[in-house]
């Protein structure tokens, strides 16, 4: 979270004071390079997006994770699911299978009220 972007209404000095962080510590943190984990997650996001696009937006995390394995990229199922959620990738849901129409013979059954209640 960068405190000096335009989307925040408070100054860096104010926020550092509230968070109990020195200004020099904040600026030191800001100048650090991106962590290896963040870099790997960015690379995975690109591959997940590619697999999702190849599948015509049909594959969910359960199919994309094996696809990444086939490409030689190790990533767990939960990580793939979380990254897909961050990217707002929602697979299309299959249509419900249409049930066959009821046969005409099953609709012509006649029930007798007296027979059913006398038992």
Foldseek 3Di string as FASTA:
>chain_A
DDQPDPVHPDDLVVVCVVVVHDSVRNVVVVPDDDDPVVVVLVVVLVQLVVVCVVVVLADALVVSQVVCVVVVHHDDSVSSNVSCVVVVRHGDDDDDDDDDDDDPVVVPDDDDPVVVPVD
